[in-house]
Amino acid sequence: MQRNLISALAALGFFGSASALQAGTFMDADWAAKMCDAWNKNAELTEGLGGDNWAANDAGRGYKTIHLYRENCGESSKVELQISDKNGKAICVYGGAVKHSSPNYDVDYLMYATDEDWTCMGEGSFGCGAMGAMMTGKLHFKGPKTEAMGVMGPFNAFLVATGKIGGSKASCP
């Protein structure tokens, strides 16, 4: 009986959408894999960050890394996206647990924020776009800032994409 009631309430949307119920934890390794897939489906990221615009600046390694984490969960909860320049497009080739623990901040990035600020950036709310988030300190950032400033449109699309993946912020990865 109780199981049927829970199923009925979920079907009616009482607990939110079914995708939200299945989304897992925000910024865990599974989330990073989904973010990698979303990156590759977003022309603003693949084309806007391809080639010499951004992705080809990889210190000759063939990839750049972006490490992300929720300030509320601490630096040990970082996940990694690995981006490679493939035929002039920025392609995410890996999303998950950190593989490269010693980033080269001449080409790689570290970004972290509070859960509240990740939500704001993920919604694209006023003051939470790429420029606003960096200028107000909502987004803590390490990496080549001049390079990032040159690709604000795609960078903003990346921040909004983080909010489209979903995931619960009730617990840490």
Protein backbone atom coordinates (compact mmCIF):
# COMPACT_ATOMS: atom_id res chain seq x y z
CA MET A 1 0.00 0.00 0.00
CA GLN A 2 2.70 2.49 1.01
CA ARG A 3 4.74 1.59 -2.09
CA ASN A 4 1.72 2.28 -4.33
CA LEU A 5 1.15 5.64 -2.63
CA ILE A 6 4.79 6.66 -3.20
CA SER A 7 4.58 5.57 -6.85
CA ALA A 8 1.34 7.49 -7.34
CA LEU A 9 2.77 10.65 -5.73
CA ALA A 10 5.90 10.40 -7.87
CA ALA A 11 3.79 9.97 -11.03
CA LEU A 12 1.84 13.10 -10.14
CA GLY A 13 5.06 15.05 -9.77
CA PHE A 14 4.81 15.41 -6.00
CA PHE A 15 8.54 14.75 -5.61
CA GLY A 16 9.61 16.61 -8.74
CA SER A 17 10.32 15.23 -12.16
CA ALA A 18 11.29 11.63 -12.74
CA SER A 19 14.60 12.81 -14.21
CA ALA A 20 15.36 14.74 -11.02
CA LEU A 21 14.66 11.62 -8.98
CA GLN A 22 17.14 9.68 -11.10
CA ALA A 23 19.71 12.45 -11.46
CA GLY A 24 22.06 11.28 -8.71
CA THR A 25 24.36 13.67 -6.91
CA PHE A 26 25.34 17.04 -8.35
CA MET A 27 29.00 17.04 -9.43
CA ASP A 28 29.79 13.42 -8.72
CA ALA A 29 31.64 11.22 -11.26
CA ASP A 30 28.39 10.16 -12.98
CA TRP A 31 27.35 13.82 -13.23
CA ALA A 32 30.72 14.62 -14.85
CA ALA A 33 30.18 11.88 -17.45
CA LYS A 34 26.75 13.37 -18.26
CA MET A 35 28.30 16.84 -18.44
CA CYS A 36 30.85 15.49 -20.93
CA ASP A 37 28.04 14.13 -23.12
CA ALA A 38 26.15 17.43 -22.86
CA TRP A 39 29.31 19.34 -23.83
CA ASN A 40 29.61 17.34 -27.04
CA LYS A 41 25.99 18.09 -27.98
CA ASN A 42 26.44 21.85 -27.46
CA ALA A 43 27.69 23.62 -30.61
CA GLU A 44 28.54 26.75 -28.64
CA LEU A 45 31.06 24.70 -26.66
CA THR A 46 32.38 22.37 -29.37
CA GLU A 47 32.67 25.05 -32.06
CA GLY A 48 33.12 28.17 -29.92
CA LEU A 49 36.00 26.63 -27.98
CA GLY A 50 37.55 24.64 -30.82
CA GLY A 51 40.98 25.12 -32.32
CA ASP A 52 43.05 28.15 -31.49
CA ASN A 53 40.08 29.80 -29.77
CA TRP A 54 40.72 27.64 -26.71
CA ALA A 55 41.08 23.84 -27.01
CA ALA A 56 44.36 23.80 -28.96
CA ASN A 57 46.11 25.63 -26.09
CA ASP A 58 46.95 22.38 -24.32
CA ALA A 59 50.72 22.62 -23.64
CA GLY A 60 51.28 19.99 -26.34
CA ARG A 61 49.56 17.25 -24.29
CA GLY A 62 46.55 16.83 -26.56
CA TYR A 63 44.02 17.81 -23.85
CA LYS A 64 42.99 20.43 -21.31
CA THR A 65 41.41 19.62 -17.97
CA ILE A 66 38.64 21.36 -16.11
CA HIS A 67 38.36 20.41 -12.46
CA LEU A 68 35.09 21.30 -10.75
CA TYR A 69 33.80 21.00 -7.23
CA ARG A 70 31.19 22.21 -4.82
CA GLU A 71 32.71 24.41 -2.11
CA ASN A 72 30.18 22.93 0.34
CA CYS A 73 31.73 19.48 -0.25
CA GLY A 74 35.41 20.39 -0.28
CA GLU A 75 38.26 20.08 -2.72
CA SER A 76 38.49 16.31 -2.29
CA SER A 77 35.15 16.01 -4.15
CA LYS A 78 36.59 17.36 -7.44
CA VAL A 79 35.58 15.87 -10.77
CA GLU A 80 37.35 16.25 -14.09
CA LEU A 81 36.42 17.02 -17.65
CA GLN A 82 39.07 16.39 -20.27
CA ILE A 83 38.75 18.37 -23.50
CA SER A 84 40.70 17.71 -26.71
CA ASP A 85 40.88 19.61 -29.95
CA LYS A 86 39.58 17.26 -32.65
CA ASN A 87 39.53 18.68 -36.18
CA GLY A 88 39.05 22.20 -34.85
CA LYS A 89 36.32 21.26 -32.37
CA ALA A 90 36.57 21.15 -28.58
CA ILE A 91 35.46 17.61 -27.74
CA CYS A 92 34.99 16.28 -24.24
CA VAL A 93 36.79 12.93 -24.22
CA TYR A 94 36.39 12.14 -20.52
CA GLY A 95 34.18 13.12 -17.62
CA GLY A 96 34.48 11.51 -14.19
CA ALA A 97 36.78 11.17 -11.22
CA VAL A 98 40.02 13.15 -11.34
CA LYS A 99 42.67 11.45 -13.48
CA HIS A 100 45.15 14.31 -13.65
CA SER A 101 45.92 15.49 -10.14
CA SER A 102 48.58 18.05 -11.14
CA PRO A 103 46.93 20.56 -13.48
CA ASN A 104 49.00 23.01 -15.51
CA TYR A 105 47.16 26.26 -14.81
CA ASP A 106 48.71 27.85 -17.89
CA VAL A 107 46.18 25.74 -19.85
CA ASP A 108 43.97 23.90 -17.33
CA TYR A 109 41.14 25.18 -15.14
CA LEU A 110 39.82 24.76 -11.62
CA MET A 111 36.36 26.11 -10.82
CA TYR A 112 34.41 25.89 -7.60
CA ALA A 113 31.49 27.65 -5.97
CA THR A 114 28.93 27.25 -3.24
CA ASP A 115 25.86 25.15 -4.02
CA GLU A 116 23.80 28.34 -4.06
CA ASP A 117 26.10 29.96 -6.61
CA TRP A 118 26.28 26.82 -8.80
CA THR A 119 22.48 26.92 -8.87
CA CYS A 120 22.47 30.60 -9.84
CA MET A 121 25.06 30.05 -12.61
CA GLY A 122 23.29 26.92 -13.84
CA GLU A 123 20.05 28.88 -14.19
CA GLY A 124 21.82 31.72 -16.00
CA SER A 125 20.32 34.15 -13.48
CA PHE A 126 21.16 37.86 -13.56
CA GLY A 127 24.62 38.46 -12.14
CA CYS A 128 25.50 34.78 -12.46
CA GLY A 129 26.71 34.70 -16.05
CA ALA A 130 30.38 34.03 -16.73
CA MET A 131 31.54 37.63 -16.36
CA GLY A 132 29.31 38.40 -13.37
CA ALA A 133 30.23 35.17 -11.58
CA MET A 134 33.95 35.81 -12.00
CA MET A 135 33.78 39.51 -11.10
CA THR A 136 31.66 39.02 -7.98
CA GLY A 137 33.56 35.99 -6.69
CA LYS A 138 30.58 33.63 -7.05
CA LEU A 139 32.83 31.42 -9.16
CA HIS A 140 36.28 30.74 -7.76
CA PHE A 141 38.57 30.22 -10.68
CA LYS A 142 42.15 29.19 -11.33
CA GLY A 143 43.64 29.00 -14.79
CA PRO A 144 44.45 31.26 -17.74
CA LYS A 145 42.09 34.17 -17.05
CA THR A 146 42.99 36.10 -20.20
CA GLU A 147 42.14 33.05 -22.29
CA ALA A 148 38.83 32.64 -20.44
CA MET A 149 37.98 36.32 -20.95
CA GLY A 150 38.36 35.79 -24.71
CA VAL A 151 35.67 33.09 -24.78
CA MET A 152 33.00 34.53 -22.48
CA GLY A 153 30.06 33.40 -24.64
CA PRO A 154 31.02 29.72 -24.65
CA PHE A 155 32.16 29.96 -21.02
CA ASN A 156 28.71 31.23 -20.10
CA ALA A 157 27.13 28.36 -22.06
CA PHE A 158 29.28 25.96 -20.02
CA LEU A 159 28.07 27.42 -16.71
CA VAL A 160 24.42 27.17 -17.81
CA ALA A 161 25.02 23.59 -18.97
CA THR A 162 26.13 22.63 -15.45
CA GLY A 163 22.57 23.39 -14.30
CA LYS A 164 20.93 21.35 -17.04
CA ILE A 165 22.53 18.08 -15.94
CA GLY A 166 20.63 18.02 -12.67
CA GLY A 167 21.58 16.19 -9.56
CA SER A 168 20.79 16.51 -5.91
CA LYS A 169 22.78 18.86 -3.71
CA ALA A 170 21.41 17.22 -0.54
CA SER A 171 24.60 15.22 -0.06
CA CYS A 172 28.18 15.35 -1.22
CA PRO A 173 29.78 13.04 -3.76
